[in-house]
Amino acid sequence: VIHVEKHDNKLLVTCAEDNLLKGASG
C-alpha cells in the first residue's frame, strides 16, 4: 500500500507491506 505527497521540493513516499507475504511467500 503506497501513498505519495509533496512538501516543497521533496516527494514523500510511504509504503506498507507484510514482510512474510508481499515481502516473501505471498
mmCIF file of all heavy atoms, coordinates in Angstrom:
data_MODEL
# 
_entry.id   MODEL 
# 
loop_
_atom_site.group_PDB 
_atom_site.id 
_atom_site.type_symbol 
_atom_site.label_atom_id 
_atom_site.label_alt_id 
_atom_site.label_comp_id 
_atom_site.label_asym_id 
_atom_site.label_entity_id 
_atom_site.label_seq_id 
_atom_site.pdbx_PDB_ins_code 
_atom_site.Cartn_x 
_atom_site.Cartn_y 
_atom_site.Cartn_z 
_atom_site.occupancy 
_atom_site.B_iso_or_equiv 
_atom_site.pdbx_formal_charge 
_atom_site.auth_seq_id 
_atom_site.auth_comp_id 
_atom_site.auth_asym_id 
_atom_site.auth_atom_id 
_atom_site.pdbx_PDB_model_num 
ATOM 1   N N   . VAL A 1 1  ? 0.859  -1.180  0.000  1.00 0.00 ? 1  VAL A N   1 
ATOM 2   C CA  . VAL A 1 1  ? 0.000  0.000   0.000  1.00 0.00 ? 1  VAL A CA  1 
ATOM 3   C C   . VAL A 1 1  ? 0.897  1.232   0.000  1.00 0.00 ? 1  VAL A C   1 
ATOM 4   O O   . VAL A 1 1  ? 1.797  1.356   0.845  1.00 0.00 ? 1  VAL A O   1 
ATOM 5   C CB  . VAL A 1 1  ? -0.933 -0.002  1.223  1.00 0.00 ? 1  VAL A CB  1 
ATOM 6   C CG1 . VAL A 1 1  ? -1.886 1.187   1.155  1.00 0.00 ? 1  VAL A CG1 1 
ATOM 7   C CG2 . VAL A 1 1  ? -1.732 -1.301  1.282  1.00 0.00 ? 1  VAL A CG2 1 
ATOM 8   N N   . ILE A 1 2  ? 0.669  2.139   -0.946 1.00 0.00 ? 2  ILE A N   1 
ATOM 9   C CA  . ILE A 1 2  ? 1.589  3.248   -1.208 1.00 0.00 ? 2  ILE A CA  1 
ATOM 10  C C   . ILE A 1 2  ? 0.842  4.574   -1.145 1.00 0.00 ? 2  ILE A C   1 
ATOM 11  O O   . ILE A 1 2  ? -0.301 4.683   -1.612 1.00 0.00 ? 2  ILE A O   1 
ATOM 12  C CB  . ILE A 1 2  ? 2.238  3.082   -2.600 1.00 0.00 ? 2  ILE A CB  1 
ATOM 13  C CG1 . ILE A 1 2  ? 2.987  1.745   -2.686 1.00 0.00 ? 2  ILE A CG1 1 
ATOM 14  C CG2 . ILE A 1 2  ? 3.169  4.246   -2.922 1.00 0.00 ? 2  ILE A CG2 1 
ATOM 15  C CD1 . ILE A 1 2  ? 3.282  1.300   -4.103 1.00 0.00 ? 2  ILE A CD1 1 
ATOM 16  N N   . HIS A 1 3  ? 1.492  5.582   -0.570 1.00 0.00 ? 3  HIS A N   1 
ATOM 17  C CA  . HIS A 1 3  ? 0.937  6.941   -0.555 1.00 0.00 ? 3  HIS A CA  1 
ATOM 18  C C   . HIS A 1 3  ? 2.024  7.918   -0.984 1.00 0.00 ? 3  HIS A C   1 
ATOM 19  O O   . HIS A 1 3  ? 3.192  7.766   -0.602 1.00 0.00 ? 3  HIS A O   1 
ATOM 20  C CB  . HIS A 1 3  ? 0.430  7.308   0.837  1.00 0.00 ? 3  HIS A CB  1 
ATOM 21  C CG  . HIS A 1 3  ? -0.092 8.709   0.937  1.00 0.00 ? 3  HIS A CG  1 
ATOM 22  N ND1 . HIS A 1 3  ? -1.216 9.138   0.264  1.00 0.00 ? 3  HIS A ND1 1 
ATOM 23  C CD2 . HIS A 1 3  ? 0.357  9.793   1.619  1.00 0.00 ? 3  HIS A CD2 1 
ATOM 24  C CE1 . HIS A 1 3  ? -1.442 10.406  0.534  1.00 0.00 ? 3  HIS A CE1 1 
ATOM 25  N NE2 . HIS A 1 3  ? -0.499 10.839  1.348  1.00 0.00 ? 3  HIS A NE2 1 
ATOM 26  N N   . VAL A 1 4  ? 1.630  8.904   -1.791 1.00 0.00 ? 4  VAL A N   1 
ATOM 27  C CA  . VAL A 1 4  ? 2.566  9.880   -2.339 1.00 0.00 ? 4  VAL A CA  1 
ATOM 28  C C   . VAL A 1 4  ? 2.076  11.282  -2.000 1.00 0.00 ? 4  VAL A C   1 
ATOM 29  O O   . VAL A 1 4  ? 0.891  11.597  -2.226 1.00 0.00 ? 4  VAL A O   1 
ATOM 30  C CB  . VAL A 1 4  ? 2.688  9.728   -3.871 1.00 0.00 ? 4  VAL A CB  1 
ATOM 31  C CG1 . VAL A 1 4  ? 3.661  10.750  -4.438 1.00 0.00 ? 4  VAL A CG1 1 
ATOM 32  C CG2 . VAL A 1 4  ? 3.114  8.315   -4.244 1.00 0.00 ? 4  VAL A CG2 1 
ATOM 33  N N   . GLU A 1 5  ? 2.966  12.118  -1.453 1.00 0.00 ? 5  GLU A N   1 
ATOM 34  C CA  . GLU A 1 5  ? 2.612  13.514  -1.215 1.00 0.00 ? 5  GLU A CA  1 
ATOM 35  C C   . GLU A 1 5  ? 3.851  14.386  -1.384 1.00 0.00 ? 5  GLU A C   1 
ATOM 36  O O   . GLU A 1 5  ? 4.983  13.894  -1.348 1.00 0.00 ? 5  GLU A O   1 
ATOM 37  C CB  . GLU A 1 5  ? 1.994  13.714  0.167  1.00 0.00 ? 5  GLU A CB  1 
ATOM 38  C CG  . GLU A 1 5  ? 2.884  13.314  1.326  1.00 0.00 ? 5  GLU A CG  1 
ATOM 39  C CD  . GLU A 1 5  ? 2.152  13.398  2.669  1.00 0.00 ? 5  GLU A CD  1 
ATOM 40  O OE1 . GLU A 1 5  ? 1.317  12.513  2.952  1.00 0.00 ? 5  GLU A OE1 1 
ATOM 41  O OE2 . GLU A 1 5  ? 2.436  14.364  3.406  1.00 0.00 ? 5  GLU A OE2 1 
ATOM 42  N N   . LYS A 1 6  ? 3.628  15.687  -1.568 1.00 0.00 ? 6  LYS A N   1 
ATOM 43  C CA  . LYS A 1 6  ? 4.715  16.605  -1.876 1.00 0.00 ? 6  LYS A CA  1 
ATOM 44  C C   . LYS A 1 6  ? 4.845  17.658  -0.782 1.00 0.00 ? 6  LYS A C   1 
ATOM 45  O O   . LYS A 1 6  ? 3.844  18.201  -0.296 1.00 0.00 ? 6  LYS A O   1 
ATOM 46  C CB  . LYS A 1 6  ? 4.427  17.280  -3.228 1.00 0.00 ? 6  LYS A CB  1 
ATOM 47  C CG  . LYS A 1 6  ? 5.600  18.050  -3.829 1.00 0.00 ? 6  LYS A CG  1 
ATOM 48  C CD  . LYS A 1 6  ? 6.571  17.125  -4.519 1.00 0.00 ? 6  LYS A CD  1 
ATOM 49  C CE  . LYS A 1 6  ? 7.766  17.909  -5.058 1.00 0.00 ? 6  LYS A CE  1 
ATOM 50  N NZ  . LYS A 1 6  ? 7.414  18.777  -6.189 1.00 0.00 ? 6  LYS A NZ  1 
ATOM 51  N N   . HIS A 1 7  ? 6.079  17.962  -0.392 1.00 0.00 ? 7  HIS A N   1 
ATOM 52  C CA  . HIS A 1 7  ? 6.375  19.015  0.573  1.00 0.00 ? 7  HIS A CA  1 
ATOM 53  C C   . HIS A 1 7  ? 7.518  19.844  0.003  1.00 0.00 ? 7  HIS A C   1 
ATOM 54  O O   . HIS A 1 7  ? 8.662  19.381  -0.059 1.00 0.00 ? 7  HIS A O   1 
ATOM 55  C CB  . HIS A 1 7  ? 6.752  18.410  1.932  1.00 0.00 ? 7  HIS A CB  1 
ATOM 56  C CG  . HIS A 1 7  ? 5.644  17.639  2.568  1.00 0.00 ? 7  HIS A CG  1 
ATOM 57  N ND1 . HIS A 1 7  ? 4.724  18.208  3.433  1.00 0.00 ? 7  HIS A ND1 1 
ATOM 58  C CD2 . HIS A 1 7  ? 5.275  16.329  2.440  1.00 0.00 ? 7  HIS A CD2 1 
ATOM 59  C CE1 . HIS A 1 7  ? 3.854  17.295  3.820  1.00 0.00 ? 7  HIS A CE1 1 
ATOM 60  N NE2 . HIS A 1 7  ? 4.164  16.145  3.235  1.00 0.00 ? 7  HIS A NE2 1 
ATOM 61  N N   . ASP A 1 8  ? 7.189  21.058  -0.432 1.00 0.00 ? 8  ASP A N   1 
ATOM 62  C CA  . ASP A 1 8  ? 8.159  21.899  -1.137 1.00 0.00 ? 8  ASP A CA  1 
ATOM 63  C C   . ASP A 1 8  ? 8.717  21.106  -2.324 1.00 0.00 ? 8  ASP A C   1 
ATOM 64  O O   . ASP A 1 8  ? 7.967  20.641  -3.151 1.00 0.00 ? 8  ASP A O   1 
ATOM 65  C CB  . ASP A 1 8  ? 9.250  22.388  -0.181 1.00 0.00 ? 8  ASP A CB  1 
ATOM 66  C CG  . ASP A 1 8  ? 8.689  23.284  0.926  1.00 0.00 ? 8  ASP A CG  1 
ATOM 67  O OD1 . ASP A 1 8  ? 7.738  24.037  0.629  1.00 0.00 ? 8  ASP A OD1 1 
ATOM 68  O OD2 . ASP A 1 8  ? 9.188  23.232  2.060  1.00 0.00 ? 8  ASP A OD2 1 
ATOM 69  N N   . ASN A 1 9  ? 10.039 20.904  -2.365 1.00 0.00 ? 9  ASN A N   1 
ATOM 70  C CA  . ASN A 1 9  ? 10.602 20.154  -3.498 1.00 0.00 ? 9  ASN A CA  1 
ATOM 71  C C   . ASN A 1 9  ? 10.797 18.677  -3.170 1.00 0.00 ? 9  ASN A C   1 
ATOM 72  O O   . ASN A 1 9  ? 11.389 17.936  -3.952 1.00 0.00 ? 9  ASN A O   1 
ATOM 73  C CB  . ASN A 1 9  ? 11.945 20.757  -3.934 1.00 0.00 ? 9  ASN A CB  1 
ATOM 74  C CG  . ASN A 1 9  ? 13.030 20.532  -2.900 1.00 0.00 ? 9  ASN A CG  1 
ATOM 75  O OD1 . ASN A 1 9  ? 12.769 20.606  -1.702 1.00 0.00 ? 9  ASN A OD1 1 
ATOM 76  N ND2 . ASN A 1 9  ? 14.256 20.263  -3.349 1.00 0.00 ? 9  ASN A ND2 1 
ATOM 77  N N   . LYS A 1 10 ? 10.318 18.259  -2.002 1.00 0.00 ? 10 LYS A N   1 
ATOM 78  C CA  . LYS A 1 10 ? 10.502 16.876  -1.568 1.00 0.00 ? 10 LYS A CA  1 
ATOM 79  C C   . LYS A 1 10 ? 9.254  16.041  -1.842 1.00 0.00 ? 10 LYS A C   1 
ATOM 80  O O   . LYS A 1 10 ? 8.134  16.428  -1.473 1.00 0.00 ? 10 LYS A O   1 
ATOM 81  C CB  . LYS A 1 10 ? 10.811 16.814  -0.068 1.00 0.00 ? 10 LYS A CB  1 
ATOM 82  C CG  . LYS A 1 10 ? 12.096 17.502  0.356  1.00 0.00 ? 10 LYS A CG  1 
ATOM 83  C CD  . LYS A 1 10 ? 13.312 16.730  -0.101 1.00 0.00 ? 10 LYS A CD  1 
ATOM 84  C CE  . LYS A 1 10 ? 14.588 17.361  0.460  1.00 0.00 ? 10 LYS A CE  1 
ATOM 85  N NZ  . LYS A 1 10 ? 15.804 16.703  -0.077 1.00 0.00 ? 10 LYS A NZ  1 
ATOM 86  N N   . LEU A 1 11 ? 9.474  14.893  -2.463 1.00 0.00 ? 11 LEU A N   1 
ATOM 87  C CA  . LEU A 1 11 ? 8.408  13.909  -2.608 1.00 0.00 ? 11 LEU A CA  1 
ATOM 88  C C   . LEU A 1 11 ? 8.528  12.923  -1.450 1.00 0.00 ? 11 LEU A C   1 
ATOM 89  O O   . LEU A 1 11 ? 9.609  12.384  -1.190 1.00 0.00 ? 11 LEU A O   1 
ATOM 90  C CB  . LEU A 1 11 ? 8.545  13.170  -3.938 1.00 0.00 ? 11 LEU A CB  1 
ATOM 91  C CG  . LEU A 1 11 ? 7.333  12.330  -4.366 1.00 0.00 ? 11 LEU A CG  1 
ATOM 92  C CD1 . LEU A 1 11 ? 6.155  13.237  -4.694 1.00 0.00 ? 11 LEU A CD1 1 
ATOM 93  C CD2 . LEU A 1 11 ? 7.696  11.465  -5.575 1.00 0.00 ? 11 LEU A CD2 1 
ATOM 94  N N   . LEU A 1 12 ? 7.433  12.725  -0.742 1.00 0.00 ? 12 LEU A N   1 
ATOM 95  C CA  . LEU A 1 12 ? 7.379  11.764  0.357  1.00 0.00 ? 12 LEU A CA  1 
ATOM 96  C C   . LEU A 1 12 ? 6.556  10.565  -0.099 1.00 0.00 ? 12 LEU A C   1 
ATOM 97  O O   . LEU A 1 12 ? 5.381  10.704  -0.454 1.00 0.00 ? 12 LEU A O   1 
ATOM 98  C CB  . LEU A 1 12 ? 6.742  12.398  1.587  1.00 0.00 ? 12 LEU A CB  1 
ATOM 99  C CG  . LEU A 1 12 ? 6.413  11.464  2.762  1.00 0.00 ? 12 LEU A CG  1 
ATOM 100 C CD1 . LEU A 1 12 ? 7.683  10.836  3.340  1.00 0.00 ? 12 LEU A CD1 1 
ATOM 101 C CD2 . LEU A 1 12 ? 5.641  12.201  3.849  1.00 0.00 ? 12 LEU A CD2 1 
ATOM 102 N N   . VAL A 1 13 ? 7.189  9.407   -0.104 1.00 0.00 ? 13 VAL A N   1 
ATOM 103 C CA  . VAL A 1 13 ? 6.516  8.166   -0.494 1.00 0.00 ? 13 VAL A CA  1 
ATOM 104 C C   . VAL A 1 13 ? 6.534  7.220   0.702  1.00 0.00 ? 13 VAL A C   1 
ATOM 105 O O   . VAL A 1 13 ? 7.605  6.893   1.223  1.00 0.00 ? 13 VAL A O   1 
ATOM 106 C CB  . VAL A 1 13 ? 7.212  7.492   -1.696 1.00 0.00 ? 13 VAL A CB  1 
ATOM 107 C CG1 . VAL A 1 13 ? 6.419  6.257   -2.136 1.00 0.00 ? 13 VAL A CG1 1 
ATOM 108 C CG2 . VAL A 1 13 ? 7.369  8.459   -2.853 1.00 0.00 ? 13 VAL A CG2 1 
ATOM 109 N N   . THR A 1 14 ? 5.363  6.804   1.144  1.00 0.00 ? 14 THR A N   1 
ATOM 110 C CA  . THR A 1 14 ? 5.282  5.801   2.208  1.00 0.00 ? 14 THR A CA  1 
ATOM 111 C C   . THR A 1 14 ? 4.735  4.515   1.622  1.00 0.00 ? 14 THR A C   1 
ATOM 112 O O   . THR A 1 14 ? 3.856  4.528   0.748  1.00 0.00 ? 14 THR A O   1 
ATOM 113 C CB  . THR A 1 14 ? 4.395  6.274   3.370  1.00 0.00 ? 14 THR A CB  1 
ATOM 114 O OG1 . THR A 1 14 ? 3.158  6.785   2.855  1.00 0.00 ? 14 THR A OG1 1 
ATOM 115 C CG2 . THR A 1 14 ? 5.098  7.364   4.170  1.00 0.00 ? 14 THR A CG2 1 
ATOM 116 N N   . CYS A 1 15 ? 5.265  3.391   2.087  1.00 0.00 ? 15 CYS A N   1 
ATOM 117 C CA  . CYS A 1 15 ? 4.863  2.075   1.570  1.00 0.00 ? 15 CYS A CA  1 
ATOM 118 C C   . CYS A 1 15 ? 4.780  1.086   2.725  1.00 0.00 ? 15 CYS A C   1 
ATOM 119 O O   . CYS A 1 15 ? 5.709  0.992   3.538  1.00 0.00 ? 15 CYS A O   1 
ATOM 120 C CB  . CYS A 1 15 ? 5.874  1.587   0.537  1.00 0.00 ? 15 CYS A CB  1 
ATOM 121 S SG  . CYS A 1 15 ? 5.507  -0.049  -0.159 1.00 0.00 ? 15 CYS A SG  1 
ATOM 122 N N   . ALA A 1 16 ? 3.669  0.390   2.816  1.00 0.00 ? 16 ALA A N   1 
ATOM 123 C CA  . ALA A 1 16 ? 3.476  -0.634  3.838  1.00 0.00 ? 16 ALA A CA  1 
ATOM 124 C C   . ALA A 1 16 ? 3.245  -1.982  3.171  1.00 0.00 ? 16 ALA A C   1 
ATOM 125 O O   . ALA A 1 16 ? 2.519  -2.076  2.174  1.00 0.00 ? 16 ALA A O   1 
ATOM 126 C CB  . ALA A 1 16 ? 2.286  -0.284  4.738  1.00 0.00 ? 16 ALA A CB  1 
ATOM 127 N N   . GLU A 1 17 ? 3.861  -3.010  3.728  1.00 0.00 ? 17 GLU A N   1 
ATOM 128 C CA  . GLU A 1 17 ? 3.658  -4.374  3.227  1.00 0.00 ? 17 GLU A CA  1 
ATOM 129 C C   . GLU A 1 17 ? 3.835  -5.355  4.374  1.00 0.00 ? 17 GLU A C   1 
ATOM 130 O O   . GLU A 1 17 ? 4.365  -5.003  5.435  1.00 0.00 ? 17 GLU A O   1 
ATOM 131 C CB  . GLU A 1 17 ? 4.663  -4.705  2.118  1.00 0.00 ? 17 GLU A CB  1 
ATOM 132 C CG  . GLU A 1 17 ? 6.088  -4.839  2.638  1.00 0.00 ? 17 GLU A CG  1 
ATOM 133 C CD  . GLU A 1 17 ? 7.085  -5.373  1.626  1.00 0.00 ? 17 GLU A CD  1 
ATOM 134 O OE1 . GLU A 1 17 ? 6.870  -5.184  0.427  1.00 0.00 ? 17 GLU A OE1 1 
ATOM 135 O OE2 . GLU A 1 17 ? 8.099  -5.959  2.063  1.00 0.00 ? 17 GLU A OE2 1 
ATOM 136 N N   . ASP A 1 18 ? 3.396  -6.567  4.162  1.00 0.00 ? 18 ASP A N   1 
ATOM 137 C CA  . ASP A 1 18 ? 3.661  -7.659  5.091  1.00 0.00 ? 18 ASP A CA  1 
ATOM 138 C C   . ASP A 1 18 ? 4.964  -8.329  4.649  1.00 0.00 ? 18 ASP A C   1 
ATOM 139 O O   . ASP A 1 18 ? 5.060  -8.837  3.533  1.00 0.00 ? 18 ASP A O   1 
ATOM 140 C CB  . ASP A 1 18 ? 2.506  -8.671  5.063  1.00 0.00 ? 18 ASP A CB  1 
ATOM 141 C CG  . ASP A 1 18 ? 2.612  -9.728  6.154  1.00 0.00 ? 18 ASP A CG  1 
ATOM 142 O OD1 . ASP A 1 18 ? 3.709  -10.310 6.306  1.00 0.00 ? 18 ASP A OD1 1 
ATOM 143 O OD2 . ASP A 1 18 ? 1.607  -9.982  6.839  1.00 0.00 ? 18 ASP A OD2 1 
ATOM 144 N N   . ASN A 1 19 ? 5.967  -8.332  5.516  1.00 0.00 ? 19 ASN A N   1 
ATOM 145 C CA  . ASN A 1 19 ? 7.280  -8.863  5.131  1.00 0.00 ? 19 ASN A CA  1 
ATOM 146 C C   . ASN A 1 19 ? 7.242  -10.352 4.814  1.00 0.00 ? 19 ASN A C   1 
ATOM 147 O O   . ASN A 1 19 ? 8.080  -10.845 4.047  1.00 0.00 ? 19 ASN A O   1 
ATOM 148 C CB  . ASN A 1 19 ? 8.325  -8.595  6.224  1.00 0.00 ? 19 ASN A CB  1 
ATOM 149 C CG  . ASN A 1 19 ? 7.962  -9.204  7.552  1.00 0.00 ? 19 ASN A CG  1 
ATOM 150 O OD1 . ASN A 1 19 ? 7.000  -8.763  8.192  1.00 0.00 ? 19 ASN A OD1 1 
ATOM 151 N ND2 . ASN A 1 19 ? 8.718  -10.191 7.994  1.00 0.00 ? 19 ASN A ND2 1 
ATOM 152 N N   . LEU A 1 20 ? 6.289  -11.100 5.361  1.00 0.00 ? 20 LEU A N   1 
ATOM 153 C CA  . LEU A 1 20 ? 6.203  -12.525 5.091  1.00 0.00 ? 20 LEU A CA  1 
ATOM 154 C C   . LEU A 1 20 ? 5.327  -12.848 3.878  1.00 0.00 ? 20 LEU A C   1 
ATOM 155 O O   . LEU A 1 20 ? 5.365  -13.974 3.382  1.00 0.00 ? 20 LEU A O   1 
ATOM 156 C CB  . LEU A 1 20 ? 5.657  -13.272 6.318  1.00 0.00 ? 20 LEU A CB  1 
ATOM 157 C CG  . LEU A 1 20 ? 6.572  -13.306 7.548  1.00 0.00 ? 20 LEU A CG  1 
ATOM 158 C CD1 . LEU A 1 20 ? 5.878  -14.023 8.702  1.00 0.00 ? 20 LEU A CD1 1 
ATOM 159 C CD2 . LEU A 1 20 ? 7.902  -13.984 7.235  1.00 0.00 ? 20 LEU A CD2 1 
ATOM 160 N N   . LEU A 1 21 ? 4.553  -11.883 3.423  1.00 0.00 ? 21 LEU A N   1 
ATOM 161 C CA  . LEU A 1 21 ? 3.674  -12.124 2.280  1.00 0.00 ? 21 LEU A CA  1 
ATOM 162 C C   . LEU A 1 21 ? 4.192  -11.393 1.049  1.00 0.00 ? 21 LEU A C   1 
ATOM 163 O O   . LEU A 1 21 ? 4.946  -11.960 0.273  1.00 0.00 ? 21 LEU A O   1 
ATOM 164 C CB  . LEU A 1 21 ? 2.235  -11.749 2.642  1.00 0.00 ? 21 LEU A CB  1 
ATOM 165 C CG  . LEU A 1 21 ? 1.585  -12.769 3.603  1.00 0.00 ? 21 LEU A CG  1 
ATOM 166 C CD1 . LEU A 1 21 ? 0.283  -12.245 4.180  1.00 0.00 ? 21 LEU A CD1 1 
ATOM 167 C CD2 . LEU A 1 21 ? 1.342  -14.102 2.902  1.00 0.00 ? 21 LEU A CD2 1 
ATOM 168 N N   . LYS A 1 22 ? 3.835  -10.139 0.836  1.00 0.00 ? 22 LYS A N   1 
ATOM 169 C CA  . LYS A 1 22 ? 4.372  -9.439  -0.334 1.00 0.00 ? 22 LYS A CA  1 
ATOM 170 C C   . LYS A 1 22 ? 5.895  -9.380  -0.278 1.00 0.00 ? 22 LYS A C   1 
ATOM 171 O O   . LYS A 1 22 ? 6.565  -9.353  -1.309 1.00 0.00 ? 22 LYS A O   1 
ATOM 172 C CB  . LYS A 1 22 ? 3.787  -8.021  -0.409 1.00 0.00 ? 22 LYS A CB  1 
ATOM 173 C CG  . LYS A 1 22 ? 4.211  -7.240  -1.659 1.00 0.00 ? 22 LYS A CG  1 
ATOM 174 C CD  . LYS A 1 22 ? 3.868  -7.957  -2.961 1.00 0.00 ? 22 LYS A CD  1 
ATOM 175 C CE  . LYS A 1 22 ? 4.214  -7.086  -4.174 1.00 0.00 ? 22 LYS A CE  1 
ATOM 176 N NZ  . LYS A 1 22 ? 4.183  -7.853  -5.433 1.00 0.00 ? 22 LYS A NZ  1 
ATOM 177 N N   . GLY A 1 23 ? 6.463  -9.411  0.921  1.00 0.00 ? 23 GLY A N   1 
ATOM 178 C CA  . GLY A 1 23 ? 7.918  -9.401  1.058  1.00 0.00 ? 23 GLY A CA  1 
ATOM 179 C C   . GLY A 1 23 ? 8.568  -10.763 0.979  1.00 0.00 ? 23 GLY A C   1 
ATOM 180 O O   . GLY A 1 23 ? 9.795  -10.861 1.065  1.00 0.00 ? 23 GLY A O   1 
ATOM 181 N N   . ALA A 1 24 ? 7.792  -11.825 0.805  1.00 0.00 ? 24 ALA A N   1 
ATOM 182 C CA  . ALA A 1 24 ? 8.385  -13.176 0.758  1.00 0.00 ? 24 ALA A CA  1 
ATOM 183 C C   . ALA A 1 24 ? 7.405  -14.163 0.119  1.00 0.00 ? 24 ALA A C   1 
ATOM 184 O O   . ALA A 1 24 ? 7.301  -14.254 -1.102 1.00 0.00 ? 24 ALA A O   1 
ATOM 185 C CB  . ALA A 1 24 ? 8.797  -13.625 2.169  1.00 0.00 ? 24 ALA A CB  1 
ATOM 186 N N   . SER A 1 25 ? 6.659  -14.903 0.941  1.00 0.00 ? 25 SER A N   1 
ATOM 187 C CA  . SER A 1 25 ? 5.904  -16.064 0.457  1.00 0.00 ? 25 SER A CA  1 
ATOM 188 C C   . SER A 1 25 ? 4.716  -15.700 -0.428 1.00 0.00 ? 25 SER A C   1 
ATOM 189 O O   . SER A 1 25 ? 4.407  -16.414 -1.387 1.00 0.00 ? 25 SER A O   1 
ATOM 190 C CB  . SER A 1 25 ? 5.428  -16.896 1.649  1.00 0.00 ? 25 SER A CB  1 
ATOM 191 O OG  . SER A 1 25 ? 6.529  -17.294 2.440  1.00 0.00 ? 25 SER A OG  1 
ATOM 192 N N   . GLY A 1 26 ? 4.029  -14.612 -0.109 1.00 0.00 ? 26 GLY A N   1 
ATOM 193 C CA  . GLY A 1 26 ? 2.915  -14.198 -0.962 1.00 0.00 ? 26 GLY A CA  1 
ATOM 194 C C   . GLY A 1 26 ? 3.396  -13.826 -2.351 1.00 0.00 ? 26 GLY A C   1 
ATOM 195 O O   . GLY A 1 26 ? 2.777  -14.191 -3.359 1.00 0.00 ? 26 GLY A O   1 
# 
